[in-house]
Amino acid sequence: MGYDTAAKTDPESVIDEEWGGMWFLKEDLDTAELGISVLELEPDGKGMEHDEADSGQEEVYYVVEGPVEVALADADETVELETDDVIRLDSEETRQIHNRGDERAKLVLVGAPL
């Protein structure tokens, strides 16, 4: 078959719903070189601080509903993003997403190569 479909709710969330939810869709979409996830964060929620240096994976974050902040530890900088903003991150950059808004934030996270 030349395509696959998935819904955000097909896989189980990997974070507690108290903080929002995160759904990894790579397996459900049967992608070979591309990771795609949906991240939702409640107000004051934050994602895991991490880098992708071991995997070499470059990541792109698209903010569906915001605002959010992306703390970049290596650059000693915080990037503020609003709805429809996008950021690309080198694999070596340590990052952490924070929802500083009053509403649930929603992002689509894409990474490659895997």
Protein backbone atom coordinates (compact mmCIF):
# COMPACT_ATOMS: atom_id res chain seq x y z
CA MET A 1 0.00 0.00 0.00
CA GLY A 2 1.31 3.48 -0.87
CA TYR A 3 0.04 5.26 2.26
CA ASP A 4 -0.88 4.86 5.92
CA THR A 5 -3.27 6.82 8.12
CA ALA A 6 -3.41 7.32 11.87
CA ALA A 7 -5.27 9.35 14.48
CA LYS A 8 -3.63 11.07 17.43
CA THR A 9 -5.55 8.75 19.74
CA ASP A 10 -4.40 5.50 18.07
CA PRO A 11 -1.35 5.10 20.35
CA GLU A 12 -1.43 5.60 24.11
CA SER A 13 -0.09 8.90 25.43
CA VAL A 14 3.42 8.60 26.86
CA ILE A 15 2.85 11.35 29.45
CA ASP A 16 0.28 11.66 32.21
CA GLU A 17 -2.93 13.37 31.07
CA GLU A 18 -2.63 15.70 34.07
CA TRP A 19 0.10 17.51 32.08
CA GLY A 20 -1.53 17.11 28.66
CA GLY A 21 -0.53 14.25 26.40
CA MET A 22 2.09 13.08 23.91
CA TRP A 23 1.38 10.63 21.15
CA PHE A 24 4.14 9.05 19.03
CA LEU A 25 2.71 8.27 15.57
CA LYS A 26 5.80 6.79 13.88
CA GLU A 27 4.80 3.18 14.46
CA ASP A 28 1.14 3.74 13.53
CA LEU A 29 2.20 5.44 10.28
CA ASP A 30 4.95 2.86 9.63
CA THR A 31 7.51 5.56 8.82
CA ALA A 32 11.09 4.48 8.18
CA GLU A 33 13.02 7.76 8.43
CA LEU A 34 10.59 10.23 9.97
CA GLY A 35 9.24 10.58 13.48
CA ILE A 36 6.04 12.51 14.10
CA SER A 37 4.36 13.21 17.42
CA VAL A 38 1.58 15.38 18.81
CA LEU A 39 2.29 17.12 22.11
CA GLU A 40 -0.35 18.85 24.22
CA LEU A 41 0.66 20.69 27.38
CA GLU A 42 -1.60 22.10 30.06
CA PRO A 43 -0.78 25.59 31.40
CA ASP A 44 2.55 25.47 33.28
CA GLY A 45 3.23 22.06 31.72
CA LYS A 46 6.57 21.24 30.18
CA GLY A 47 8.12 18.60 28.00
CA MET A 48 11.21 16.60 28.84
CA GLU A 49 14.54 18.41 28.58
CA HIS A 50 16.58 16.50 26.01
CA ASP A 51 18.78 16.57 22.95
CA GLU A 52 19.01 14.17 20.02
CA ALA A 53 22.82 14.05 19.78
CA ASP A 54 22.91 10.24 20.00
CA SER A 55 20.33 9.75 17.26
CA GLY A 56 21.48 12.65 15.05
CA GLN A 57 17.82 13.57 14.65
CA GLU A 58 16.98 17.11 13.58
CA GLU A 59 13.60 18.25 14.92
CA VAL A 60 10.93 20.73 13.79
CA TYR A 61 8.18 21.94 16.13
CA TYR A 62 5.01 23.47 14.67
CA VAL A 63 2.76 25.26 17.18
CA VAL A 64 -0.88 24.44 16.40
CA GLU A 65 -2.13 26.29 19.49
CA GLY A 66 0.13 28.35 21.72
CA PRO A 67 1.93 30.26 23.05
CA VAL A 68 4.92 28.17 24.18
CA GLU A 69 8.53 28.77 25.07
CA VAL A 70 11.40 26.56 23.98
CA ALA A 71 14.30 26.79 26.42
CA LEU A 72 17.60 26.16 24.62
CA ALA A 73 20.15 25.28 27.30
CA ASP A 74 23.19 25.17 25.01
CA ALA A 75 22.40 28.54 23.45
CA ASP A 76 21.41 29.95 26.88
CA GLU A 77 18.30 31.33 25.21
CA THR A 78 14.53 30.94 25.29
CA VAL A 79 12.53 31.21 22.06
CA GLU A 80 8.91 32.32 22.35
CA LEU A 81 6.53 30.80 19.81
CA GLU A 82 2.91 31.61 19.02
CA THR A 83 0.24 29.73 17.07
CA ASP A 84 1.49 28.87 13.54
CA ASP A 85 5.17 29.50 14.44
CA VAL A 86 7.79 26.86 13.63
CA ILE A 87 11.26 26.16 15.02
CA ARG A 88 13.97 23.80 13.69
CA LEU A 89 16.49 22.38 16.15
CA ASP A 90 19.90 20.83 15.57
CA SER A 91 20.27 17.38 17.10
CA GLU A 92 22.91 18.60 19.59
CA GLU A 93 20.80 21.46 20.99
CA THR A 94 19.35 20.71 24.43
CA ARG A 95 15.71 21.82 24.45
CA GLN A 96 12.63 21.89 26.66
CA ILE A 97 9.13 23.09 25.74
CA HIS A 98 7.10 25.06 28.32
CA ASN A 99 3.46 26.14 28.11
CA ARG A 100 3.45 29.59 29.69
CA GLY A 101 -0.07 30.39 28.47
CA ASP A 102 -3.48 30.10 30.13
CA GLU A 103 -4.85 27.47 27.73
CA ARG A 104 -3.69 24.01 26.64
CA ALA A 105 -0.93 24.25 24.02
CA LYS A 106 -0.72 21.86 21.06
CA LEU A 107 2.32 21.15 18.89
CA VAL A 108 3.25 18.80 16.07
CA LEU A 109 6.82 17.52 16.46
CA VAL A 110 8.68 16.10 13.47
CA GLY A 111 12.14 14.53 13.50
CA ALA A 112 14.45 12.95 10.93
CA PRO A 113 16.49 10.97 10.19
CA LEU A 114 15.77 8.17 12.61
